[in-house]
């Protein structure tokens, strides 16, 4: 194995921070673009961001 091909350990802090902020941004985007009565849509957008975060975690963990 060459020096450049060594895998770095998974950065949990970075993953959590990115996941939380993506969910917050997605939810706020729905609330800002529509209105506060669209809370269910905002929660759905945040859930979609959560699913994307799980996908990125699975991709990283299964690539080993």
Protein backbone atom coordinates (compact mmCIF):
# COMPACT_ATOMS: atom_id res chain seq x y z
CA UNK A 1 0.00 0.00 0.00
CA UNK A 2 1.39 3.38 -0.93
CA UNK A 3 1.40 6.34 1.37
CA UNK A 4 -1.25 8.21 -0.65
CA UNK A 5 -3.71 5.30 -0.62
CA UNK A 6 -4.00 4.94 3.16
CA UNK A 7 -7.57 5.50 4.36
CA UNK A 8 -8.24 8.12 6.98
CA UNK A 9 -10.31 7.26 10.03
CA UNK A 10 -13.95 8.29 9.84
CA UNK A 11 -14.52 11.78 11.28
CA UNK A 12 -17.72 11.39 13.32
CA UNK A 13 -17.77 15.00 14.45
CA UNK A 14 -17.64 16.30 10.90
CA UNK A 15 -20.34 13.85 9.78
CA UNK A 16 -22.68 14.84 12.62
CA UNK A 17 -22.12 18.56 12.06
CA UNK A 18 -22.75 18.32 8.32
CA UNK A 19 -25.82 16.13 8.82
CA UNK A 20 -27.43 18.40 11.40
CA UNK A 21 -26.78 21.57 9.43
CA UNK A 22 -28.08 20.03 6.21
CA UNK A 23 -31.31 19.01 7.96
CA UNK A 24 -31.70 22.46 9.52
CA UNK A 25 -31.06 24.20 6.21
CA UNK A 26 -33.52 21.97 4.35
CA UNK A 27 -36.23 22.54 6.94
CA UNK A 28 -35.68 26.30 7.08
CA UNK A 29 -35.69 26.55 3.31
CA UNK A 30 -39.22 25.13 3.21
CA UNK A 31 -40.40 27.45 5.99
CA UNK A 32 -38.83 30.52 4.37
CA UNK A 33 -40.02 29.79 0.84
CA UNK A 34 -43.55 28.85 1.91
CA UNK A 35 -44.82 29.74 5.37
CA UNK A 36 -44.84 28.47 8.94
CA UNK A 37 -47.97 26.39 8.32
CA UNK A 38 -45.84 24.10 6.16
CA UNK A 39 -44.21 22.49 9.19
CA UNK A 40 -44.91 18.96 7.91
CA UNK A 41 -43.17 19.77 4.63
CA UNK A 42 -40.22 21.22 6.53
CA UNK A 43 -40.00 18.08 8.67
CA UNK A 44 -40.12 15.98 5.49
CA UNK A 45 -37.25 17.98 4.01
CA UNK A 46 -35.25 17.53 7.20
CA UNK A 47 -36.01 13.79 7.15
CA UNK A 48 -34.79 13.60 3.55
CA UNK A 49 -31.54 15.25 4.65
CA UNK A 50 -31.29 12.65 7.41
CA UNK A 51 -31.67 9.85 4.89
CA UNK A 52 -28.92 11.41 2.77
CA UNK A 53 -26.70 11.53 5.85
CA UNK A 54 -27.31 7.85 6.55
CA UNK A 55 -26.48 7.06 2.93
CA UNK A 56 -23.16 8.89 3.17
CA UNK A 57 -22.38 7.08 6.43
CA UNK A 58 -23.18 3.70 4.88
CA UNK A 59 -21.07 4.51 1.82
CA UNK A 60 -18.10 5.44 3.99
CA UNK A 61 -18.42 2.46 6.32
CA UNK A 62 -18.99 -0.13 3.58
CA UNK A 63 -16.07 1.13 1.49
CA UNK A 64 -13.62 -0.45 3.91
